[in-house]
Protein backbone atom coordinates (compact mmCIF):
# COMPACT_ATOMS: atom_id res chain seq x y z
CA UNK A 1 0.00 0.00 0.00
CA UNK A 2 0.98 3.66 -0.16
CA UNK A 3 3.09 4.73 2.79
CA UNK A 4 0.82 7.67 3.58
CA UNK A 5 -2.85 8.31 2.81
CA UNK A 6 -5.11 11.24 3.62
CA UNK A 7 -8.74 10.51 2.69
CA UNK A 8 -10.78 13.72 2.57
CA UNK A 9 -14.33 12.59 3.27
CA UNK A 10 -17.00 15.03 2.09
CA UNK A 11 -20.19 14.42 4.10
CA UNK A 12 -22.85 12.38 2.29
CA UNK A 13 -20.54 11.49 -0.59
CA UNK A 14 -20.37 7.73 0.10
CA UNK A 15 -17.42 8.53 2.32
CA UNK A 16 -18.57 6.32 5.17
CA UNK A 17 -18.42 3.33 2.82
CA UNK A 18 -15.07 4.39 1.40
CA UNK A 19 -13.56 5.30 4.74
CA UNK A 20 -14.65 2.06 6.37
CA UNK A 21 -13.25 -0.01 3.48
CA UNK A 22 -9.98 1.94 3.44
CA UNK A 23 -9.48 1.76 7.20
CA UNK A 24 -10.34 -1.93 7.33
CA UNK A 25 -7.86 -2.70 4.56
CA UNK A 26 -5.16 -0.48 6.09
CA UNK A 27 -5.54 -2.12 9.50
CA UNK A 28 -4.97 -5.49 7.87
CA UNK A 29 -1.88 -4.31 5.96
CA UNK A 30 1.75 -3.99 6.98
CA UNK A 31 4.41 -1.48 6.07
CA UNK A 32 7.52 -2.68 4.18
CA UNK A 33 9.44 -2.62 7.49
CA UNK A 34 6.92 -5.09 8.93
CA UNK A 35 5.24 -2.83 11.46
CA UNK A 36 1.45 -2.34 11.44
CA UNK A 37 -0.08 0.60 9.63
CA UNK A 38 -1.18 3.34 12.04
CA UNK A 39 -4.67 4.71 11.43
CA UNK A 40 -6.02 7.82 13.15
CA UNK A 41 -9.15 6.86 15.14
CA UNK A 42 -10.73 10.32 14.96
CA UNK A 43 -12.81 11.15 11.88
CA UNK A 44 -13.31 14.94 12.20
CA UNK A 45 -11.16 17.98 12.54
CA UNK A 46 -12.87 21.29 13.35
CA UNK A 47 -13.58 22.30 9.75
CA UNK A 48 -17.33 21.63 9.75
CA UNK A 49 -17.95 23.29 13.11
CA UNK A 50 -16.97 26.89 12.39
CA UNK A 51 -16.51 28.74 15.67
CA UNK A 52 -18.15 26.04 17.79
CA UNK A 53 -15.76 24.46 20.27
CA UNK A 54 -17.88 22.94 23.07
CA UNK A 55 -16.95 19.38 22.16
CA UNK A 56 -17.16 18.38 25.81
CA UNK A 57 -20.96 18.58 25.40
CA UNK A 58 -20.90 15.66 22.93
CA UNK A 59 -21.77 12.24 24.27
CA UNK A 60 -18.92 9.79 24.78
CA UNK A 61 -19.49 8.06 21.44
CA UNK A 62 -19.14 11.26 19.46
CA UNK A 63 -16.50 13.08 21.47
CA UNK A 64 -13.74 10.66 20.44
CA UNK A 65 -14.60 11.27 16.79
CA UNK A 66 -13.21 14.83 16.85
CA UNK A 67 -9.44 15.36 16.70
CA UNK A 68 -9.00 18.20 19.17
CA UNK A 69 -5.22 18.15 19.53
CA UNK A 70 -2.79 20.21 17.48
CA UNK A 71 -3.21 19.13 13.85
CA UNK A 72 0.54 18.57 13.70
CA UNK A 73 -0.20 15.40 15.66
CA UNK A 74 -1.81 13.89 12.56
CA UNK A 75 1.72 13.33 11.26
CA UNK A 76 1.95 10.40 13.70
CA UNK A 77 -0.49 8.36 11.61
CA UNK A 78 0.06 6.64 8.28
CA UNK A 79 -3.63 6.92 7.38
CA UNK A 80 -6.02 9.72 8.27
CA UNK A 81 -9.53 9.45 6.88
CA UNK A 82 -12.58 11.56 7.59
CA UNK A 83 -14.02 15.06 7.55
CA UNK A 84 -10.62 16.78 7.61
CA UNK A 85 -9.59 19.70 5.46
CA UNK A 86 -6.57 19.32 3.19
CA UNK A 87 -4.41 21.56 5.37
CA UNK A 88 -4.95 19.21 8.31
CA UNK A 89 -4.29 16.13 6.19
CA UNK A 90 -0.99 17.55 4.95
CA UNK A 91 0.54 17.16 8.40
CA UNK A 92 2.77 14.18 7.69
CA UNK A 93 1.57 13.88 4.11
CA UNK A 94 2.13 15.67 0.82
CA UNK A 95 -0.77 16.73 -1.38
CA UNK A 96 0.13 13.78 -3.60
CA UNK A 97 -0.95 11.53 -0.71
CA UNK A 98 -4.45 13.04 -0.61
CA UNK A 99 -7.58 11.55 -2.14
CA UNK A 100 -11.10 12.98 -2.40
CA UNK A 101 -14.23 11.53 -3.95
CA UNK A 102 -16.96 13.98 -4.88
CA UNK A 103 -20.71 13.60 -5.17
CA UNK A 104 -22.82 15.91 -7.33
CA UNK A 105 -23.13 18.74 -4.78
CA UNK A 106 -26.83 19.58 -5.10
CA UNK A 107 -27.77 15.92 -4.72
CA UNK A 108 -25.31 15.69 -1.81
CA UNK A 109 -26.86 18.65 0.00
CA UNK A 110 -30.38 17.30 -0.48
CA UNK A 111 -29.15 14.00 0.95
CA UNK A 112 -27.63 15.75 3.98
CA UNK A 113 -30.94 17.53 4.64
CA UNK A 114 -33.02 14.36 4.45
CA UNK A 115 -30.40 12.44 6.44
CA UNK A 116 -30.51 14.89 9.34
CA UNK A 117 -34.30 14.88 9.26
CA UNK A 118 -34.26 11.09 9.63
CA UNK A 119 -32.40 11.18 12.95
CA UNK A 120 -33.99 10.16 16.22
CA UNK A 121 -34.08 12.58 19.13
CA UNK A 122 -31.27 10.56 20.75
CA UNK A 123 -29.08 11.02 17.67
CA UNK A 124 -29.61 14.79 17.67
CA UNK A 125 -28.97 14.94 21.42
CA UNK A 126 -25.68 13.07 21.05
CA UNK A 127 -24.10 16.16 19.51
CA UNK A 128 -24.69 18.19 22.64
CA UNK A 129 -24.48 21.92 22.12
CA UNK A 130 -23.93 21.59 18.39
CA UNK A 131 -27.45 21.74 16.97
CA UNK A 132 -26.92 22.00 13.19
CA UNK A 133 -28.83 18.78 12.55
CA UNK A 134 -31.90 20.14 14.33
CA UNK A 135 -32.08 23.00 11.84
CA UNK A 136 -32.97 20.47 9.14
CA UNK A 137 -35.88 19.28 11.28
CA UNK A 138 -37.08 22.77 12.17
CA UNK A 139 -36.81 24.32 8.70
CA UNK A 140 -38.23 23.53 5.31
CA UNK A 141 -35.82 23.09 2.41
CA UNK A 142 -36.05 26.74 1.31
CA UNK A 143 -35.22 28.15 4.74
CA UNK A 144 -32.53 25.54 5.37
CA UNK A 145 -30.60 26.79 2.32
CA UNK A 146 -30.40 30.35 3.66
CA UNK A 147 -29.64 29.47 7.29
CA UNK A 148 -26.30 31.22 7.65
CA UNK A 149 -25.81 29.91 11.18
CA UNK A 150 -24.89 26.48 9.73
CA UNK A 151 -22.82 27.84 6.82
CA UNK A 152 -19.80 25.54 7.46
CA UNK A 153 -22.10 22.54 6.96
CA UNK A 154 -24.06 23.68 3.89
CA UNK A 155 -22.10 26.31 1.96
CA UNK A 156 -19.72 24.85 -0.64
CA UNK A 157 -18.49 22.31 1.86
CA UNK A 158 -16.23 20.47 -0.58
CA UNK A 159 -14.41 23.69 -1.41
CA UNK A 160 -14.04 24.52 2.29
CA UNK A 161 -12.43 21.13 2.91
CA UNK A 162 -10.21 21.26 -0.17
CA UNK A 163 -8.94 24.76 0.66
CA UNK A 164 -9.02 24.82 4.45
CA UNK A 165 -8.44 28.30 5.81
CA UNK A 166 -8.94 30.82 3.01
CA UNK A 167 -9.23 34.60 3.13
CA UNK A 168 -12.49 34.61 1.15
CA UNK A 169 -14.21 31.81 3.07
CA UNK A 170 -15.78 33.10 6.30
CA UNK A 171 -15.67 30.61 9.13
CA UNK A 172 -19.30 31.14 10.21
CA UNK A 173 -21.09 32.68 7.24
CA UNK A 174 -21.68 32.20 3.54
CA UNK A 175 -19.09 32.95 0.90
CA UNK A 176 -19.87 36.32 -0.67
CA UNK A 177 -21.36 35.67 -4.15
CA UNK A 178 -18.91 38.23 -5.54
CA UNK A 179 -16.04 36.01 -4.38
CA UNK A 180 -17.28 32.70 -5.81
CA UNK A 181 -15.25 32.95 -9.02
CA UNK A 182 -11.98 33.56 -7.17
CA UNK A 183 -12.70 30.81 -4.64
CA UNK A 184 -13.47 28.48 -7.55
CA UNK A 185 -10.13 29.26 -9.20
CA UNK A 186 -8.21 28.66 -5.98
CA UNK A 187 -10.10 25.47 -5.11
CA UNK A 188 -9.67 24.05 -8.62
CA UNK A 189 -5.95 24.80 -8.52
CA UNK A 190 -5.65 23.13 -5.11
CA UNK A 191 -7.51 20.07 -6.36
CA UNK A 192 -5.05 19.64 -9.22
CA UNK A 193 -2.36 18.87 -6.63
CA UNK A 194 -4.28 15.99 -5.03
CA UNK A 195 -2.93 12.52 -5.66
CA UNK A 196 -6.28 11.07 -6.65
CA UNK A 197 -9.75 12.46 -7.31
CA UNK A 198 -12.92 10.89 -8.67
CA UNK A 199 -16.72 11.12 -8.46
CA UNK A 200 -18.82 8.43 -6.82
CA UNK A 201 -21.30 8.53 -9.69
CA UNK A 202 -18.68 6.59 -11.64
CA UNK A 203 -19.74 3.57 -9.58
CA UNK A 204 -17.57 0.47 -9.43
CA UNK A 205 -14.87 2.08 -11.55
CA UNK A 206 -14.47 4.80 -8.91
CA UNK A 207 -13.77 2.24 -6.19
CA UNK A 208 -11.49 0.19 -8.46
CA UNK A 209 -9.39 3.26 -9.19
CA UNK A 210 -9.22 4.09 -5.47
CA UNK A 211 -8.01 0.56 -4.72
CA UNK A 212 -5.35 0.82 -7.41
CA UNK A 213 -4.15 4.21 -6.20
CA UNK A 214 -4.04 3.22 -2.53
CA UNK A 215 -2.51 -0.21 -3.16
CA UNK A 216 -5.18 -1.80 -0.96
CA UNK A 217 -7.81 -4.45 -1.57
CA UNK A 218 -11.08 -2.64 -0.84
CA UNK A 219 -14.40 -4.25 -0.02
CA UNK A 220 -16.81 -1.33 -0.27
CA UNK A 221 -20.24 -1.92 1.24
CA UNK A 222 -23.19 0.45 1.12
CA UNK A 223 -23.81 2.00 4.53
CA UNK A 224 -25.14 5.13 6.21
CA UNK A 225 -27.73 5.51 3.46
CA UNK A 226 -30.39 8.18 3.75
CA UNK A 227 -34.07 7.28 4.10
CA UNK A 228 -35.82 8.72 1.02
CA UNK A 229 -39.15 9.86 2.45
CA UNK A 230 -39.53 13.39 3.81
CA UNK A 231 -42.78 15.23 4.51
CA UNK A 232 -44.19 16.81 1.36
CA UNK A 233 -44.58 20.31 2.75
CA UNK A 234 -40.83 20.85 3.20
CA UNK A 235 -40.42 20.80 -0.60
CA UNK A 236 -43.31 23.16 -1.34
CA UNK A 237 -41.02 26.00 -2.47
CA UNK A 238 -38.21 23.85 -3.88
CA UNK A 239 -38.74 25.00 -7.48
CA UNK A 240 -39.23 28.69 -6.73
CA UNK A 241 -36.64 30.87 -8.42
CA UNK A 242 -35.17 32.26 -5.21
CA UNK A 243 -34.77 28.78 -3.74
CA UNK A 244 -33.12 27.46 -6.91
CA UNK A 245 -30.76 30.42 -6.74
CA UNK A 246 -29.97 29.76 -3.07
CA UNK A 247 -29.10 26.16 -3.92
CA UNK A 248 -26.88 27.37 -6.76
CA UNK A 249 -24.98 29.69 -4.42
CA UNK A 250 -24.54 26.98 -1.77
CA UNK A 251 -23.00 24.63 -4.35
CA UNK A 252 -21.49 26.81 -7.09
CA UNK A 253 -17.83 26.14 -6.26
CA UNK A 254 -18.45 22.50 -5.40
CA UNK A 255 -20.12 21.93 -8.77
CA UNK A 256 -17.00 23.13 -10.56
CA UNK A 257 -14.89 20.80 -8.42
CA UNK A 258 -17.20 17.88 -9.26
CA UNK A 259 -16.93 18.66 -12.98
CA UNK A 260 -13.15 18.96 -12.73
CA UNK A 261 -12.89 15.60 -10.95
CA UNK A 262 -15.31 13.90 -13.34
CA UNK A 263 -13.42 15.15 -16.39
CA UNK A 264 -10.29 13.29 -15.32
CA UNK A 265 -12.08 10.04 -16.06
CA UNK A 266 -14.88 11.00 -18.43
CA UNK A 267 -16.22 13.46 -20.93
CA UNK A 268 -15.62 17.09 -21.78
CA UNK A 269 -16.86 19.89 -19.55
CA UNK A 270 -20.20 20.26 -21.30
CA UNK A 271 -20.91 16.54 -21.09
CA UNK A 272 -20.09 16.38 -17.39
CA UNK A 273 -22.06 19.56 -16.65
CA UNK A 274 -25.09 18.01 -18.35
CA UNK A 275 -24.61 14.83 -16.35
CA UNK A 276 -24.46 16.83 -13.11
CA UNK A 277 -27.65 18.68 -14.03
CA UNK A 278 -29.49 15.45 -14.70
CA UNK A 279 -28.30 13.95 -11.39
CA UNK A 280 -29.42 17.01 -9.41
CA UNK A 281 -32.83 17.27 -11.05
CA UNK A 282 -33.42 13.56 -10.60
CA UNK A 283 -32.48 13.70 -6.91
CA UNK A 284 -34.86 16.56 -6.13
CA UNK A 285 -37.58 14.92 -8.18
CA UNK A 286 -37.09 11.65 -6.33
CA UNK A 287 -37.27 13.04 -2.79
CA UNK A 288 -40.13 15.42 -3.49
CA UNK A 289 -42.10 12.84 -5.49
CA UNK A 290 -41.84 10.21 -2.77
CA UNK A 291 -43.02 12.71 -0.23
CA UNK A 292 -46.39 13.39 -1.87
CA UNK A 293 -49.43 11.18 -1.88
CA UNK A 294 -49.21 8.37 -4.37
CA UNK A 295 -45.61 9.20 -5.25
CA UNK A 296 -46.68 11.68 -7.93
CA UNK A 297 -44.86 15.04 -8.03
CA UNK A 298 -46.98 18.12 -7.55
CA UNK A 299 -44.86 20.07 -10.02
CA UNK A 300 -42.38 18.96 -12.70
CA UNK A 301 -38.75 19.44 -11.62
CA UNK A 302 -37.03 22.55 -12.85
CA UNK A 303 -33.49 22.72 -14.10
CA UNK A 304 -31.35 23.60 -11.11
CA UNK A 305 -28.58 25.76 -12.54
CA UNK A 306 -28.36 28.78 -14.78
CA UNK A 307 -26.54 26.61 -17.26
CA UNK A 308 -29.60 24.38 -17.47
CA UNK A 309 -32.07 27.21 -18.03
CA UNK A 310 -33.98 27.00 -21.28
CA UNK A 311 -33.55 23.24 -21.65
CA UNK A 312 -36.49 20.92 -22.15
CA UNK A 313 -36.21 19.79 -18.51
CA UNK A 314 -36.80 23.31 -17.21
CA UNK A 315 -40.25 24.24 -15.99
CA UNK A 316 -42.04 27.31 -17.47
CA UNK A 317 -41.56 29.09 -14.13
CA UNK A 318 -37.78 28.51 -14.34
CA UNK A 319 -37.63 29.71 -17.96
CA UNK A 320 -39.52 32.91 -17.12
CA UNK A 321 -37.12 33.69 -14.27
CA UNK A 322 -34.02 32.84 -16.28
CA UNK A 323 -35.05 35.44 -18.86
CA UNK A 324 -35.41 38.01 -16.08
CA UNK A 325 -39.21 38.21 -16.30
Foldseek 3Di string as FASTA:
>chain_A
DDQAAEEAEQPQQLQVLVVVQVVVQQQVDADPVGHGAFEQPAAAECQQPQPDDPLVQAPPVNSSNYDDDDLLVVLVGRYYHHNAAPVSRCNVHFLLRYEYAAELQLLSLVQLLLLLLPDDPVVQSNRGPRRLSVCSNVAFLLVNLQPQQSLCNQAQVVLCRLVPDDPQCHRRGHRDPVCLVVSLVVSLVSVVSHNAYAYCVVPPVVVVVVCVSVVTDGDGDDDSGGDQEDAQVSCPCCQAPVSLVSSCRRCVSVNSVNLSRHVVPDDDSVVVNVVSQVVNQVSSLRSNQNNDPPSHHPDQGARRDLVCAPDPSHDPNSNVVSVVD
